[in-house]
Protein backbone atom coordinates (compact mmCIF):
# COMPACT_ATOMS: atom_id res chain seq x y z
CA MET A 1 53.64 35.65 -21.35
CA ASN A 2 50.77 35.95 -23.81
CA PHE A 3 48.99 38.66 -21.83
CA ILE A 4 49.48 41.29 -19.15
CA PRO A 5 48.12 39.92 -15.83
CA VAL A 6 45.29 41.92 -14.23
CA ILE A 7 45.41 42.48 -10.47
CA ASP A 8 43.05 44.26 -8.08
CA LEU A 9 44.81 46.71 -5.74
CA ALA A 10 41.77 46.70 -3.45
CA ASP A 11 42.74 43.14 -2.48
CA TYR A 12 45.92 44.45 -0.86
CA SER A 13 43.97 46.48 1.72
CA ASN A 14 41.18 43.95 2.06
CA ASP A 15 40.08 42.97 5.58
CA LYS A 16 40.54 39.33 4.65
CA PRO A 17 44.24 38.40 5.08
CA GLU A 18 44.02 35.72 2.41
CA LYS A 19 43.13 38.40 -0.16
CA LYS A 20 46.24 40.40 0.71
CA VAL A 21 48.47 37.32 0.61
CA ALA A 22 47.05 36.32 -2.78
CA PHE A 23 47.63 39.84 -4.15
CA ILE A 24 51.25 39.89 -2.98
CA LYS A 25 51.91 36.55 -4.65
CA ALA A 26 50.13 37.58 -7.85
CA ILE A 27 52.04 40.83 -8.32
CA GLY A 28 55.39 39.29 -7.36
CA ASP A 29 54.99 36.30 -9.65
CA ALA A 30 53.93 38.57 -12.51
CA TYR A 31 56.98 40.76 -12.03
CA ARG A 32 59.23 37.71 -12.05
CA GLU A 33 57.75 36.36 -15.27
CA VAL A 34 56.38 39.31 -17.23
CA GLY A 35 57.54 42.54 -15.59
CA PHE A 36 54.15 44.18 -16.31
CA VAL A 37 50.73 44.13 -14.65
CA SER A 38 47.42 45.85 -15.32
CA VAL A 39 46.00 47.28 -12.08
CA LYS A 40 42.35 48.01 -11.30
CA ASN A 41 40.95 49.86 -8.28
CA HIS A 42 44.18 51.85 -8.09
CA GLY A 43 42.66 54.98 -6.53
CA ILE A 44 43.51 57.40 -9.36
CA THR A 45 40.15 58.86 -10.34
CA ASP A 46 38.85 59.03 -13.88
CA GLY A 47 38.06 62.71 -13.39
CA LEU A 48 41.64 63.52 -12.45
CA ILE A 49 42.98 61.71 -15.50
CA GLU A 50 40.45 63.30 -17.84
CA ASP A 51 41.33 66.77 -16.53
CA PHE A 52 45.04 66.21 -16.95
CA TYR A 53 44.73 64.78 -20.46
CA ARG A 54 42.67 67.81 -21.45
CA GLU A 55 45.37 70.14 -20.14
CA VAL A 56 48.13 68.06 -21.77
CA LYS A 57 46.47 68.32 -25.17
CA ALA A 58 46.07 72.06 -24.68
CA PHE A 59 49.77 72.47 -23.91
CA PHE A 60 51.01 70.52 -26.90
CA SER A 61 48.61 72.48 -29.11
CA LEU A 62 50.45 75.71 -28.24
CA PRO A 63 52.63 77.26 -30.97
CA ASP A 64 56.20 75.93 -31.02
CA GLU A 65 57.64 79.33 -30.11
CA ILE A 66 55.67 79.28 -26.85
CA LYS A 67 56.63 75.69 -26.00
CA TYR A 68 60.30 76.44 -26.68
CA LYS A 69 60.20 79.08 -23.92
CA TYR A 70 59.85 76.22 -21.46
CA GLU A 71 62.73 74.09 -22.73
CA LYS A 72 65.64 74.50 -20.31
CA ALA A 73 68.78 72.74 -21.57
CA GLU A 74 70.45 73.02 -18.17
CA LEU A 75 67.72 70.85 -16.63
CA ALA A 76 68.62 67.81 -18.80
CA GLY A 77 64.98 67.23 -19.66
CA GLN A 78 64.07 66.65 -16.00
CA ARG A 79 61.68 69.62 -15.79
CA GLY A 80 59.60 71.46 -18.32
CA TYR A 81 59.52 70.86 -22.06
CA THR A 82 61.72 68.63 -24.22
CA SER A 83 61.28 69.18 -27.94
CA PHE A 84 60.68 66.61 -30.66
CA GLY A 85 63.40 64.00 -31.30
CA LYS A 86 65.71 64.97 -28.42
CA GLU A 87 65.50 61.68 -26.49
CA HIS A 88 66.63 58.34 -27.85
CA ALA A 89 66.77 54.82 -26.48
CA LYS A 90 69.97 53.51 -24.92
CA GLY A 91 72.18 52.21 -27.73
CA SER A 92 70.22 54.03 -30.45
CA THR A 93 71.21 57.16 -32.37
CA LYS A 94 67.74 57.89 -33.78
CA GLY A 95 65.61 60.31 -31.80
CA ASP A 96 62.20 59.05 -30.71
CA LEU A 97 59.23 60.59 -32.54
CA LYS A 98 57.93 62.47 -29.50
CA GLU A 99 57.98 65.66 -27.48
CA PHE A 100 57.28 65.70 -23.76
CA TRP A 101 56.84 67.66 -20.54
CA GLN A 102 58.05 66.66 -17.08
CA PHE A 103 56.88 67.59 -13.59
CA GLY A 104 59.21 66.72 -10.72
CA GLN A 105 59.04 66.45 -6.95
CA THR A 106 57.73 69.35 -4.87
CA VAL A 107 59.25 69.13 -1.38
CA ILE A 108 56.78 70.57 1.14
CA ASP A 109 58.62 69.77 4.39
CA ASN A 110 62.06 70.83 5.62
CA ASP A 111 63.82 67.92 3.98
CA PRO A 112 67.34 69.05 2.92
CA ILE A 113 66.96 67.01 -0.27
CA ARG A 114 65.07 70.05 -1.58
CA SER A 115 68.43 71.53 -2.63
CA GLU A 116 69.01 68.64 -5.06
CA TYR A 117 65.94 69.32 -7.18
CA PRO A 118 65.42 72.07 -9.72
CA ASP A 119 62.18 73.99 -9.46
CA ASN A 120 59.28 72.89 -11.58
CA VAL A 121 58.63 74.95 -14.68
CA TRP A 122 55.24 76.65 -14.80
CA VAL A 123 53.31 77.43 -17.98
CA ASP A 124 52.04 81.01 -17.84
CA GLU A 125 49.51 80.45 -20.60
CA LEU A 126 47.84 77.43 -18.95
CA PRO A 127 47.63 77.68 -15.13
CA GLY A 128 45.26 74.71 -15.10
CA PHE A 129 48.01 72.56 -16.62
CA ASN A 130 50.31 73.30 -13.69
CA GLU A 131 47.67 72.63 -11.03
CA SER A 132 46.39 69.46 -12.67
CA GLY A 133 49.94 68.17 -13.08
CA LEU A 134 50.70 68.53 -9.37
CA HIS A 135 47.47 66.76 -8.33
CA THR A 136 48.14 63.95 -10.79
CA TYR A 137 51.72 63.61 -9.54
CA ARG A 138 50.58 63.12 -5.93
CA SER A 139 47.91 60.62 -6.88
CA PHE A 140 50.37 58.47 -8.83
CA GLU A 141 52.92 58.75 -6.03
CA ASN A 142 50.42 57.47 -3.45
CA CYS A 143 49.42 54.54 -5.64
CA GLY A 144 53.05 53.66 -6.32
CA ARG A 145 53.84 53.65 -2.61
CA THR A 146 51.16 51.02 -2.01
CA ILE A 147 52.41 48.86 -4.85
CA LEU A 148 55.98 49.04 -3.53
CA ARG A 149 54.74 47.89 -0.13
CA ALA A 150 53.30 44.78 -1.76
CA ILE A 151 56.57 44.22 -3.63
CA ALA A 152 58.51 44.55 -0.37
CA MET A 153 56.33 41.89 1.22
CA TYR A 154 56.90 39.58 -1.77
CA LEU A 155 60.66 40.04 -1.31
CA LYS A 156 60.34 39.14 2.40
CA LEU A 157 61.33 42.67 3.42
CA THR A 158 59.44 44.80 5.93
CA GLU A 159 56.25 46.19 4.43
CA ASN A 160 57.45 49.79 4.69
CA TYR A 161 60.95 49.05 3.36
CA PHE A 162 60.62 51.49 0.47
CA ASP A 163 58.67 54.23 2.29
CA GLU A 164 61.58 56.31 3.55
CA LYS A 165 63.53 55.63 0.36
CA ILE A 166 60.84 57.21 -1.83
CA HIS A 167 59.81 60.01 0.56
CA ASN A 168 60.51 63.16 -1.47
CA GLY A 169 62.02 60.87 -4.08
CA ASN A 170 63.14 62.03 -7.51
CA SER A 171 60.00 60.80 -9.28
CA ILE A 172 58.87 62.24 -12.61
CA LEU A 173 55.42 62.71 -14.14
CA ARG A 174 55.85 62.83 -17.90
CA ALA A 175 53.24 63.96 -20.42
CA ILE A 176 54.14 62.70 -23.90
CA HIS A 177 52.88 63.79 -27.30
CA TYR A 178 53.63 61.65 -30.33
CA PRO A 179 52.74 64.05 -33.17
CA PRO A 180 51.25 63.02 -36.51
CA ILE A 181 53.81 61.43 -38.83
CA THR A 182 54.14 63.68 -41.86
CA GLU A 183 56.93 61.94 -43.78
CA ASP A 184 58.64 58.56 -43.98
CA PRO A 185 60.13 58.05 -40.50
CA ASP A 186 63.16 56.21 -41.95
CA SER A 187 62.97 53.40 -39.37
CA ALA A 188 62.60 55.86 -36.47
CA MET A 189 59.91 54.83 -33.96
CA ARG A 190 57.64 56.71 -31.62
CA ALA A 191 59.62 55.13 -28.78
CA GLU A 192 62.41 52.67 -29.55
CA ALA A 193 62.77 49.47 -27.55
CA HIS A 194 63.97 50.32 -24.06
CA GLU A 195 63.73 49.57 -20.36
CA ASP A 196 62.73 52.19 -17.79
CA ILE A 197 65.36 53.57 -15.41
CA ASN A 198 63.36 53.82 -12.18
CA LEU A 199 61.87 51.47 -9.55
CA ILE A 200 58.41 51.14 -11.10
CA THR A 201 56.47 52.99 -13.81
CA LEU A 202 52.75 53.70 -13.59
CA LEU A 203 51.07 54.36 -16.95
CA VAL A 204 47.53 55.57 -17.34
CA GLY A 205 45.69 54.59 -20.52
CA ALA A 206 47.19 56.21 -23.60
CA SER A 207 45.00 57.92 -26.20
CA ALA A 208 45.87 55.30 -28.84
CA ASP A 209 47.36 51.83 -29.15
CA GLY A 210 51.06 51.31 -29.75
CA LEU A 211 52.68 50.06 -26.54
CA GLN A 212 54.26 46.64 -27.00
CA VAL A 213 56.10 44.36 -24.56
CA GLN A 214 58.81 41.89 -25.59
CA LYS A 215 58.38 38.25 -24.64
CA LYS A 216 61.28 36.07 -23.55
CA ASN A 217 61.40 34.49 -27.03
CA GLY A 218 61.81 37.90 -28.65
CA ASP A 219 58.24 38.24 -29.92
CA TRP A 220 56.26 41.41 -29.23
CA ILE A 221 52.75 41.57 -27.74
CA ASN A 222 50.40 44.54 -27.46
CA ALA A 223 50.01 45.94 -23.95
CA THR A 224 46.69 47.72 -23.68
CA ALA A 225 45.11 48.26 -20.27
CA GLN A 226 41.43 47.60 -19.81
CA PRO A 227 39.32 50.76 -19.36
CA GLY A 228 39.92 52.23 -15.92
CA ASN A 229 43.11 50.23 -15.32
CA ILE A 230 46.70 51.42 -15.23
CA ILE A 231 49.77 49.49 -16.36
CA VAL A 232 52.59 49.19 -13.83
CA ASN A 233 55.98 47.78 -14.81
CA VAL A 234 59.32 47.11 -13.15
CA GLY A 235 62.20 49.48 -13.92
CA ASP A 236 65.92 48.83 -14.05
CA MET A 237 66.55 50.12 -10.51
CA LEU A 238 64.25 47.48 -9.03
CA GLN A 239 65.67 44.79 -11.30
CA ARG A 240 69.17 45.77 -10.22
CA LEU A 241 68.22 45.88 -6.51
CA THR A 242 66.77 42.35 -6.76
CA ASN A 243 69.67 41.00 -8.84
CA ASP A 244 67.30 40.23 -11.75
CA TYR A 245 64.81 38.42 -9.52
CA LEU A 246 62.18 40.91 -10.72
CA LYS A 247 62.23 41.73 -14.44
CA SER A 248 62.57 45.09 -16.15
CA THR A 249 61.02 44.10 -19.47
CA THR A 250 61.91 45.66 -22.80
CA HIS A 251 59.03 47.63 -24.36
CA ARG A 252 58.43 50.13 -27.16
CA VAL A 253 55.81 52.33 -28.79
CA VAL A 254 55.40 51.41 -32.45
CA ASN A 255 54.28 53.72 -35.22
CA PRO A 256 50.64 53.45 -36.28
CA SER A 257 49.59 51.99 -39.61
CA ARG A 258 50.14 54.36 -42.53
CA GLU A 259 46.48 55.34 -42.74
CA MET A 260 46.75 56.55 -39.10
CA TRP A 261 49.92 58.59 -39.58
CA GLY A 262 47.93 61.80 -39.37
CA THR A 263 46.85 61.17 -35.77
CA SER A 264 48.50 62.15 -32.49
CA ARG A 265 49.09 59.85 -29.54
CA TYR A 266 49.25 61.07 -25.93
CA SER A 267 50.58 59.14 -22.95
CA VAL A 268 51.14 59.89 -19.25
CA PRO A 269 53.69 57.70 -17.42
CA PHE A 270 54.81 58.29 -13.83
CA PHE A 271 58.40 57.18 -13.23
CA LEU A 272 58.70 56.41 -9.53
CA HIS A 273 62.27 57.12 -8.41
CA PRO A 274 63.79 56.85 -4.95
CA ARG A 275 65.93 59.44 -3.23
CA SER A 276 69.38 59.80 -4.74
CA GLU A 277 71.17 58.30 -1.74
CA MET A 278 69.25 55.01 -1.88
CA SER A 279 71.61 52.09 -2.31
CA LEU A 280 70.91 49.90 -5.33
CA ASN A 281 73.34 47.26 -4.10
CA CYS A 282 71.84 43.83 -4.74
CA LEU A 283 69.76 42.61 -1.81
CA PRO A 284 71.64 39.80 -0.01
CA SER A 285 68.49 37.68 -0.12
CA CYS A 286 68.57 37.82 -3.93
CA VAL A 287 72.18 36.65 -4.25
CA ASN A 288 73.03 32.96 -4.00
CA PHE A 289 75.00 30.19 -5.69
CA ASP A 290 72.45 29.82 -8.46
CA ASN A 291 72.05 33.58 -8.91
CA PRO A 292 75.43 35.24 -8.23
CA LYS A 293 75.68 39.02 -7.88
CA LYS A 294 75.39 40.62 -11.34
CA TYR A 295 75.85 44.32 -10.63
CA ASP A 296 78.42 46.64 -9.11
CA ASP A 297 77.38 48.70 -6.10
CA ILE A 298 75.88 52.10 -6.92
CA THR A 299 73.42 54.67 -5.57
CA ALA A 300 70.17 55.59 -7.29
CA GLY A 301 71.53 59.06 -8.04
CA GLY A 302 74.70 57.71 -9.61
CA TYR A 303 72.76 55.25 -11.72
CA LEU A 304 70.30 57.90 -12.89
CA ASP A 305 73.14 60.15 -14.07
CA GLN A 306 74.62 57.28 -16.07
CA ARG A 307 71.34 56.55 -17.79
CA LEU A 308 70.46 60.17 -18.59
CA ILE A 309 73.76 60.43 -20.43
CA GLU A 310 73.06 57.19 -22.31
CA ILE A 311 69.67 58.38 -23.59
CA GLY A 312 70.93 61.77 -24.69
CA LEU A 313 69.30 64.03 -22.09
CA LYS A 314 72.48 64.85 -20.16
CA LYS A 315 75.97 65.59 -21.38
CA PRO A 316 78.87 63.67 -19.82
CA GLN A 317 81.20 65.64 -17.60
CA THR A 318 84.59 66.41 -19.11
């Protein structure tokens, strides 16, 4: 685990069956050993990403009093704006050095799951931000669906195993701003060591370095995608579903060197979530004598609620 493996998503849809088989093995083996891959030919256009990053920077440049209009405490950070320092890693009490915005699912059919989701929050001052966010959301969602099909094949499931489970799923597109550091952070970090909650995360190239992945021996390595690639990692839901067969690897975003404190960092991850009713019970094929069942039965919705409480975005019910 001295590097993040690079895979070519075009191989999955290649006319040559051996290319598809090789891709499935490559991504599955990487997720067993590393938990992260760098993906090229993913179908998310450079133009789309450039447009969204431009809009993201424009939003975070707005005065605080305007941004605060779009922070809705009742939404537990799942839509709209979350101000600086509100979120922290599981097990940490220090807020991460970031502010962020989240777009959620837009249900366009008659699916009754629509009643579970709050409406997206729209920024009056930047209509292009709203439009670009929705287009980016759909593009990431389509790419993630293809990657999950390859994962299903690696797990010896039907190729479309995840399709109905992520249709109108509770996925989140997050735009993150790590502002300039203006005073000693007192051991706080731009993003403390953590694992993602969801099935998989798709991350388009950040505006600066800082993402690090933890190796099995505890060492940290830099995780920087090659130009035009995206990084895709396993989340805790997929690790739980596969009874730790696939790895949700610990990662963090470290602070820049002191001479770079005055710079911002922007990042756009897409957290691909299933529908709330999806069972995360360990797959029978991933439970055996050598790998006994490690997790209690739970739904994706129940697990998400637990984790949102743990990271400080949702208050526990009393």
